[in-house]
Amino acid sequence: MGLFRLLFWIAIIAAAFWLWRRFTRPAPRRPQAPDESAQPIVRCEQCGVHIPRVHALSLDQHWYCSQAHLEQGRKSGER
């Protein structure tokens, strides 16, 4: 009966240790899904800066970061 009691206590201690470790560890991080609110990025034809498309100015499928670069692109023949 002594061996059975020893194995019983070892099993109880191992289960308690496993439960303690399981509940004290932080939850594993899951990979985040791509943000649906992410906006497409475009490149300014004049200076090459990347900006969100909603903030860019467009002219004939060319994107510009500012009004000044839009006008410069228009004067240079819109590359």
PDB file of N, CA and C in Angstrom:
ATOM      1  N   MET A   1       0.813  -1.192   0.000  1.00  0.00           N
ATOM      2  CA  MET A   1       0.000   0.000   0.000  1.00  0.00           C
ATOM      3  C   MET A   1       0.860   1.261   0.000  1.00  0.00           C
ATOM      4  N   GLY A   2       2.080   1.189   0.469  1.00  0.00           N
ATOM      5  CA  GLY A   2       2.956   2.349   0.554  1.00  0.00           C
ATOM      6  C   GLY A   2       3.342   2.884  -0.820  1.00  0.00           C
ATOM      7  N   LEU A   3       3.566   1.967  -1.765  1.00  0.00           N
ATOM      8  CA  LEU A   3       3.936   2.381  -3.120  1.00  0.00           C
ATOM      9  C   LEU A   3       2.762   3.091  -3.804  1.00  0.00           C
ATOM     10  N   PHE A   4       1.550   2.578  -3.613  1.00  0.00           N
ATOM     11  CA  PHE A   4       0.371   3.204  -4.186  1.00  0.00           C
ATOM     12  C   PHE A   4       0.188   4.614  -3.637  1.00  0.00           C
ATOM     13  N   ARG A   5       0.380   4.799  -2.347  1.00  0.00           N
ATOM     14  CA  ARG A   5       0.248   6.118  -1.723  1.00  0.00           C
ATOM     15  C   ARG A   5       1.296   7.089  -2.281  1.00  0.00           C
ATOM     16  N   LEU A   6       2.507   6.619  -2.455  1.00  0.00           N
ATOM     17  CA  LEU A   6       3.575   7.457  -2.997  1.00  0.00           C
ATOM     18  C   LEU A   6       3.240   7.886  -4.425  1.00  0.00           C
ATOM     19  N   LEU A   7       2.802   6.959  -5.263  1.00  0.00           N
ATOM     20  CA  LEU A   7       2.433   7.297  -6.633  1.00  0.00           C
ATOM     21  C   LEU A   7       1.242   8.244  -6.677  1.00  0.00           C
ATOM     22  N   PHE A   8       0.285   8.049  -5.784  1.00  0.00           N
ATOM     23  CA  PHE A   8      -0.872   8.937  -5.702  1.00  0.00           C
ATOM     24  C   PHE A   8      -0.436  10.370  -5.394  1.00  0.00           C
ATOM     25  N   TRP A   9       0.437  10.566  -4.425  1.00  0.00           N
ATOM     26  CA  TRP A   9       0.894  11.910  -4.055  1.00  0.00           C
ATOM     27  C   TRP A   9       1.751  12.534  -5.148  1.00  0.00           C
ATOM     28  N   ILE A  10       2.526  11.726  -5.821  1.00  0.00           N
ATOM     29  CA  ILE A  10       3.326  12.238  -6.939  1.00  0.00           C
ATOM     30  C   ILE A  10       2.391  12.727  -8.047  1.00  0.00           C
ATOM     31  N   ALA A  11       1.330  11.974  -8.340  1.00  0.00           N
ATOM     32  CA  ALA A  11       0.368  12.380  -9.371  1.00  0.00           C
ATOM     33  C   ALA A  11      -0.357  13.655  -8.962  1.00  0.00           C
ATOM     34  N   ILE A  12      -0.766  13.779  -7.705  1.00  0.00           N
ATOM     35  CA  ILE A  12      -1.451  14.978  -7.221  1.00  0.00           C
ATOM     36  C   ILE A  12      -0.533  16.190  -7.312  1.00  0.00           C
ATOM     37  N   ILE A  13       0.721  16.052  -6.906  1.00  0.00           N
ATOM     38  CA  ILE A  13       1.680  17.166  -6.958  1.00  0.00           C
ATOM     39  C   ILE A  13       1.966  17.557  -8.404  1.00  0.00           C
ATOM     40  N   ALA A  14       2.113  16.562  -9.294  1.00  0.00           N
ATOM     41  CA  ALA A  14       2.363  16.860 -10.705  1.00  0.00           C
ATOM     42  C   ALA A  14       1.168  17.574 -11.328  1.00  0.00           C
ATOM     43  N   ALA A  15      -0.054  17.157 -11.023  1.00  0.00           N
ATOM     44  CA  ALA A  15      -1.247  17.818 -11.558  1.00  0.00           C
ATOM     45  C   ALA A  15      -1.361  19.245 -11.025  1.00  0.00           C
ATOM     46  N   ALA A  16      -1.084  19.437  -9.738  1.00  0.00           N
ATOM     47  CA  ALA A  16      -1.141  20.779  -9.156  1.00  0.00           C
ATOM     48  C   ALA A  16      -0.088  21.683  -9.793  1.00  0.00           C
ATOM     49  N   PHE A  17       1.113  21.167 -10.004  1.00  0.00           N
ATOM     50  CA  PHE A  17       2.178  21.954 -10.642  1.00  0.00           C
ATOM     51  C   PHE A  17       1.799  22.321 -12.076  1.00  0.00           C
ATOM     52  N   TRP A  18       1.227  21.365 -12.812  1.00  0.00           N
ATOM     53  CA  TRP A  18       0.811  21.612 -14.193  1.00  0.00           C
ATOM     54  C   TRP A  18      -0.275  22.683 -14.251  1.00  0.00           C
ATOM     55  N   LEU A  19      -1.280  22.579 -13.363  1.00  0.00           N
ATOM     56  CA  LEU A  19      -2.346  23.588 -13.326  1.00  0.00           C
ATOM     57  C   LEU A  19      -1.800  24.957 -12.948  1.00  0.00           C
ATOM     58  N   TRP A  20      -0.885  25.007 -11.985  1.00  0.00           N
ATOM     59  CA  TRP A  20      -0.298  26.287 -11.567  1.00  0.00           C
ATOM     60  C   TRP A  20       0.460  26.930 -12.725  1.00  0.00           C
ATOM     61  N   ARG A  21       1.253  26.149 -13.428  1.00  0.00           N
ATOM     62  CA  ARG A  21       2.017  26.683 -14.567  1.00  0.00           C
ATOM     63  C   ARG A  21       1.089  27.145 -15.688  1.00  0.00           C
ATOM     64  N   ARG A  22       0.021  26.405 -15.911  1.00  0.00           N
ATOM     65  CA  ARG A  22      -0.905  26.738 -16.991  1.00  0.00           C
ATOM     66  C   ARG A  22      -1.622  28.064 -16.729  1.00  0.00           C
ATOM     67  N   PHE A  23      -2.018  28.322 -15.506  1.00  0.00           N
ATOM     68  CA  PHE A  23      -2.777  29.534 -15.202  1.00  0.00           C
ATOM     69  C   PHE A  23      -1.904  30.736 -14.866  1.00  0.00           C
ATOM     70  N   THR A  24      -0.625  30.543 -14.610  1.00  0.00           N
ATOM     71  CA  THR A  24       0.245  31.690 -14.321  1.00  0.00           C
ATOM     72  C   THR A  24       0.997  32.180 -15.545  1.00  0.00           C
ATOM     73  N   ARG A  25       1.065  31.380 -16.587  1.00  0.00           N
ATOM     74  CA  ARG A  25       1.724  31.826 -17.818  1.00  0.00           C
ATOM     75  C   ARG A  25       0.817  32.775 -18.576  1.00  0.00           C
ATOM     76  N   PRO A  26       1.387  33.794 -19.257  1.00  0.00           N
ATOM     77  CA  PRO A  26       0.548  34.644 -20.107  1.00  0.00           C
ATOM     78  C   PRO A  26       0.040  33.833 -21.301  1.00  0.00           C
ATOM     79  N   ALA A  27      -1.097  34.233 -21.799  1.00  0.00           N
ATOM     80  CA  ALA A  27      -1.677  33.539 -22.946  1.00  0.00           C
ATOM     81  C   ALA A  27      -0.762  33.695 -24.151  1.00  0.00           C
ATOM     82  N   PRO A  28      -0.616  32.645 -24.961  1.00  0.00           N
ATOM     83  CA  PRO A  28       0.239  32.768 -26.150  1.00  0.00           C
ATOM     84  C   PRO A  28      -0.360  33.778 -27.129  1.00  0.00           C
ATOM     85  N   ARG A  29       0.504  34.550 -27.719  1.00  0.00           N
ATOM     86  CA  ARG A  29       0.057  35.569 -28.668  1.00  0.00           C
ATOM     87  C   ARG A  29      -0.302  34.924 -29.985  1.00  0.00           C
ATOM     88  N   ARG A  30      -1.453  35.307 -30.484  1.00  0.00           N
ATOM     89  CA  ARG A  30      -1.882  34.817 -31.786  1.00  0.00           C
ATOM     90  C   ARG A  30      -1.503  35.851 -32.832  1.00  0.00           C
ATOM     91  N   PRO A  31      -1.122  35.394 -34.020  1.00  0.00           N
ATOM     92  CA  PRO A  31      -0.800  36.369 -35.074  1.00  0.00           C
ATOM     93  C   PRO A  31      -2.032  37.220 -35.378  1.00  0.00           C
ATOM     94  N   GLN A  32      -1.798  38.514 -35.504  1.00  0.00           N
ATOM     95  CA  GLN A  32      -2.903  39.422 -35.763  1.00  0.00           C
ATOM     96  C   GLN A  32      -3.283  39.384 -37.240  1.00  0.00           C
ATOM     97  N   ALA A  33      -4.565  39.450 -37.457  1.00  0.00           N
ATOM     98  CA  ALA A  33      -5.062  39.502 -38.834  1.00  0.00           C
ATOM     99  C   ALA A  33      -4.709  40.866 -39.419  1.00  0.00           C
ATOM    100  N   PRO A  34      -4.514  40.956 -40.711  1.00  0.00           N
ATOM    101  CA  PRO A  34      -4.230  42.255 -41.317  1.00  0.00           C
ATOM    102  C   PRO A  34      -5.345  43.246 -40.999  1.00  0.00           C
ATOM    103  N   ASP A  35      -4.950  44.443 -40.714  1.00  0.00           N
ATOM    104  CA  ASP A  35      -5.906  45.485 -40.354  1.00  0.00           C
ATOM    105  C   ASP A  35      -6.728  45.868 -41.575  1.00  0.00           C
ATOM    106  N   GLU A  36      -8.045  45.729 -41.448  1.00  0.00           N
ATOM    107  CA  GLU A  36      -8.908  46.042 -42.586  1.00  0.00           C
ATOM    108  C   GLU A  36      -8.989  47.537 -42.848  1.00  0.00           C
ATOM    109  N   SER A  37      -8.609  48.341 -41.856  1.00  0.00           N
ATOM    110  CA  SER A  37      -8.653  49.782 -42.057  1.00  0.00           C
ATOM    111  C   SER A  37      -7.359  50.310 -42.676  1.00  0.00           C
ATOM    112  N   ALA A  38      -6.411  49.422 -42.973  1.00  0.00           N
ATOM    113  CA  ALA A  38      -5.159  49.840 -43.592  1.00  0.00           C
ATOM    114  C   ALA A  38      -5.449  50.406 -44.982  1.00  0.00           C
ATOM    115  N   GLN A  39      -4.771  51.493 -45.293  1.00  0.00           N
ATOM    116  CA  GLN A  39      -5.015  52.163 -46.561  1.00  0.00           C
ATOM    117  C   GLN A  39      -3.852  51.914 -47.512  1.00  0.00           C
ATOM    118  N   PRO A  40      -4.128  51.877 -48.816  1.00  0.00           N
ATOM    119  CA  PRO A  40      -3.045  51.693 -49.785  1.00  0.00           C
ATOM    120  C   PRO A  40      -2.091  52.894 -49.773  1.00  0.00           C
ATOM    121  N   ILE A  41      -0.846  52.604 -50.016  1.00  0.00           N
ATOM    122  CA  ILE A  41       0.205  53.619 -50.026  1.00  0.00           C
ATOM    123  C   ILE A  41       0.628  53.868 -51.473  1.00  0.00           C
ATOM    124  N   VAL A  42       0.855  55.133 -51.809  1.00  0.00           N
ATOM    125  CA  VAL A  42       1.327  55.488 -53.154  1.00  0.00           C
ATOM    126  C   VAL A  42       2.627  56.275 -53.033  1.00  0.00           C
ATOM    127  N   ARG A  43       3.346  56.358 -54.129  1.00  0.00           N
ATOM    128  CA  ARG A  43       4.649  57.040 -54.153  1.00  0.00           C
ATOM    129  C   ARG A  43       4.517  58.337 -54.933  1.00  0.00           C
ATOM    130  N   CYS A  44       5.037  59.406 -54.368  1.00  0.00           N
ATOM    131  CA  CYS A  44       5.028  60.700 -55.044  1.00  0.00           C
ATOM    132  C   CYS A  44       5.925  60.619 -56.274  1.00  0.00           C
ATOM    133  N   GLU A  45       5.402  61.059 -57.413  1.00  0.00           N
ATOM    134  CA  GLU A  45       6.165  61.025 -58.665  1.00  0.00           C
ATOM    135  C   GLU A  45       7.335  62.002 -58.643  1.00  0.00           C
ATOM    136  N   GLN A  46       7.238  63.045 -57.855  1.00  0.00           N
ATOM    137  CA  GLN A  46       8.275  64.082 -57.852  1.00  0.00           C
ATOM    138  C   GLN A  46       9.429  63.742 -56.902  1.00  0.00           C
ATOM    139  N   CYS A  47       9.103  63.403 -55.642  1.00  0.00           N
ATOM    140  CA  CYS A  47      10.163  63.217 -54.649  1.00  0.00           C
ATOM    141  C   CYS A  47      10.322  61.781 -54.174  1.00  0.00           C
ATOM    142  N   GLY A  48       9.364  60.915 -54.471  1.00  0.00           N
ATOM    143  CA  GLY A  48       9.479  59.509 -54.097  1.00  0.00           C
ATOM    144  C   GLY A  48       8.981  59.174 -52.705  1.00  0.00           C
ATOM    145  N   VAL A  49       8.411  60.128 -52.001  1.00  0.00           N
ATOM    146  CA  VAL A  49       7.897  59.872 -50.655  1.00  0.00           C
ATOM    147  C   VAL A  49       6.654  58.997 -50.761  1.00  0.00           C
ATOM    148  N   HIS A  50       6.531  58.036 -49.837  1.00  0.00           N
ATOM    149  CA  HIS A  50       5.354  57.174 -49.793  1.00  0.00           C
ATOM    150  C   HIS A  50       4.346  57.761 -48.808  1.00  0.00           C
ATOM    151  N   ILE A  51       3.106  57.922 -49.267  1.00  0.00           N
ATOM    152  CA  ILE A  51       2.042  58.495 -48.434  1.00  0.00           C
ATOM    153  C   ILE A  51       0.744  57.715 -48.669  1.00  0.00           C
ATOM    154  N   PRO A  52      -0.183  57.754 -47.698  1.00  0.00           N
ATOM    155  CA  PRO A  52      -1.474  57.102 -47.925  1.00  0.00           C
ATOM    156  C   PRO A  52      -2.193  57.718 -49.121  1.00  0.00           C
ATOM    157  N   ARG A  53      -2.860  56.896 -49.870  1.00  0.00           N
ATOM    158  CA  ARG A  53      -3.511  57.367 -51.091  1.00  0.00           C
ATOM    159  C   ARG A  53      -4.593  58.410 -50.804  1.00  0.00           C
ATOM    160  N   VAL A  54      -5.236  58.341 -49.638  1.00  0.00           N
ATOM    161  CA  VAL A  54      -6.283  59.316 -49.329  1.00  0.00           C
ATOM    162  C   VAL A  54      -5.710  60.713 -49.124  1.00  0.00           C
ATOM    163  N   HIS A  55      -4.416  60.825 -48.815  1.00  0.00           N
ATOM    164  CA  HIS A  55      -3.782  62.133 -48.615  1.00  0.00           C
ATOM    165  C   HIS A  55      -3.047  62.621 -49.862  1.00  0.00           C
ATOM    166  N   ALA A  56      -2.924  61.762 -50.859  1.00  0.00           N
ATOM    167  CA  ALA A  56      -2.167  62.118 -52.058  1.00  0.00           C
ATOM    168  C   ALA A  56      -3.063  62.839 -53.062  1.00  0.00           C
ATOM    169  N   LEU A  57      -2.416  63.593 -53.925  1.00  0.00           N
ATOM    170  CA  LEU A  57      -3.103  64.286 -55.019  1.00  0.00           C
ATOM    171  C   LEU A  57      -2.790  63.522 -56.300  1.00  0.00           C
ATOM    172  N   SER A  58      -3.803  63.299 -57.123  1.00  0.00           N
ATOM    173  CA  SER A  58      -3.564  62.511 -58.332  1.00  0.00           C
ATOM    174  C   SER A  58      -3.790  63.347 -59.579  1.00  0.00           C
ATOM    175  N   LEU A  59      -3.063  62.977 -60.620  1.00  0.00           N
ATOM    176  CA  LEU A  59      -3.205  63.600 -61.931  1.00  0.00           C
ATOM    177  C   LEU A  59      -2.860  62.534 -62.958  1.00  0.00           C
ATOM    178  N   ASP A  60      -3.856  62.056 -63.688  1.00  0.00           N
ATOM    179  CA  ASP A  60      -3.650  61.046 -64.727  1.00  0.00           C
ATOM    180  C   ASP A  60      -2.869  59.828 -64.208  1.00  0.00           C
ATOM    181  N   GLN A  61      -3.358  59.220 -63.162  1.00  0.00           N
ATOM    182  CA  GLN A  61      -2.746  58.043 -62.551  1.00  0.00           C
ATOM    183  C   GLN A  61      -1.338  58.278 -62.006  1.00  0.00           C
ATOM    184  N   HIS A  62      -0.959  59.511 -61.785  1.00  0.00           N
ATOM    185  CA  HIS A  62       0.296  59.854 -61.120  1.00  0.00           C
ATOM    186  C   HIS A  62      -0.076  60.471 -59.786  1.00  0.00           C
ATOM    187  N   TRP A  63       0.667  60.122 -58.757  1.00  0.00           N
ATOM    188  CA  TRP A  63       0.357  60.577 -57.401  1.00  0.00           C
ATOM    189  C   TRP A  63       1.425  61.546 -56.908  1.00  0.00           C
ATOM    190  N   TYR A  64       0.992  62.553 -56.162  1.00  0.00           N
ATOM    191  CA  TYR A  64       1.894  63.586 -55.652  1.00  0.00           C
ATOM    192  C   TYR A  64       1.589  63.838 -54.178  1.00  0.00           C
ATOM    193  N   CYS A  65       2.615  64.209 -53.423  1.00  0.00           N
ATOM    194  CA  CYS A  65       2.444  64.404 -51.985  1.00  0.00           C
ATOM    195  C   CYS A  65       1.958  65.805 -51.641  1.00  0.00           C
ATOM    196  N   SER A  66       2.109  66.765 -52.534  1.00  0.00           N
ATOM    197  CA  SER A  66       1.687  68.136 -52.246  1.00  0.00           C
ATOM    198  C   SER A  66       1.261  68.836 -53.536  1.00  0.00           C
ATOM    199  N   GLN A  67       0.619  69.965 -53.348  1.00  0.00           N
ATOM    200  CA  GLN A  67       0.181  70.752 -54.506  1.00  0.00           C
ATOM    201  C   GLN A  67       1.390  71.253 -55.302  1.00  0.00           C
ATOM    202  N   ALA A  68       2.457  71.611 -54.598  1.00  0.00           N
ATOM    203  CA  ALA A  68       3.665  72.092 -55.283  1.00  0.00           C
ATOM    204  C   ALA A  68       4.250  71.008 -56.190  1.00  0.00           C
ATOM    205  N   HIS A  69       4.308  69.783 -55.713  1.00  0.00           N
ATOM    206  CA  HIS A  69       4.858  68.707 -56.539  1.00  0.00           C
ATOM    207  C   HIS A  69       3.911  68.359 -57.684  1.00  0.00           C
ATOM    208  N   LEU A  70       2.615  68.493 -57.458  1.00  0.00           N
ATOM    209  CA  LEU A  70       1.651  68.277 -58.538  1.00  0.00           C
ATOM    210  C   LEU A  70       1.878  69.284 -59.658  1.00  0.00           C
ATOM    211  N   GLU A  71       2.079  70.558 -59.296  1.00  0.00           N
ATOM    212  CA  GLU A  71       2.317  71.588 -60.291  1.00  0.00           C
ATOM    213  C   GLU A  71       3.653  71.392 -60.981  1.00  0.00           C
ATOM    214  N   GLN A  72       4.695  70.969 -60.254  1.00  0.00           N
ATOM    215  CA  GLN A  72       5.984  70.708 -60.869  1.00  0.00           C
ATOM    216  C   GLN A  72       5.894  69.548 -61.856  1.00  0.00           C
ATOM    217  N   GLY A  73       5.123  68.534 -61.516  1.00  0.00           N
ATOM    218  CA  GLY A  73       4.940  67.402 -62.406  1.00  0.00           C
ATOM    219  C   GLY A  73       4.176  67.798 -63.647  1.00  0.00           C
ATOM    220  N   ARG A  74       3.217  68.674 -63.499  1.00  0.00           N
ATOM    221  CA  ARG A  74       2.436  69.149 -64.633  1.00  0.00           C
ATOM    222  C   ARG A  74       3.311  69.983 -65.570  1.00  0.00           C
ATOM    223  N   LYS A  75       4.192  70.813 -65.014  1.00  0.00           N
ATOM    224  CA  LYS A  75       5.063  71.661 -65.846  1.00  0.00           C
ATOM    225  C   LYS A  75       6.121  70.851 -66.570  1.00  0.00           C
ATOM    226  N   SER A  76       6.605  69.780 -65.938  1.00  0.00           N
ATOM    227  CA  SER A  76       7.697  68.995 -66.560  1.00  0.00           C
ATOM    228  C   SER A  76       7.176  67.962 -67.544  1.00  0.00           C
ATOM    229  N   GLY A  77       5.909  68.016 -67.886  1.00  0.00           N
ATOM    230  CA  GLY A  77       5.388  67.107 -68.900  1.00  0.00           C
ATOM    231  C   GLY A  77       4.853  65.820 -68.316  1.00  0.00           C
ATOM    232  N   GLU A  78       4.672  65.762 -67.036  1.00  0.00           N
ATOM    233  CA  GLU A  78       4.077  64.607 -66.357  1.00  0.00           C
ATOM    234  C   GLU A  78       4.787  63.322 -66.682  1.00  0.00           C
ATOM    235  N   ARG A  79       6.036  63.291 -66.623  1.00  0.00           N
ATOM    236  CA  ARG A  79       6.895  62.141 -66.827  1.00  0.00           C
ATOM    237  C   ARG A  79       6.164  60.952 -67.302  1.00  0.00           C
TER     238      ARG A  79
END
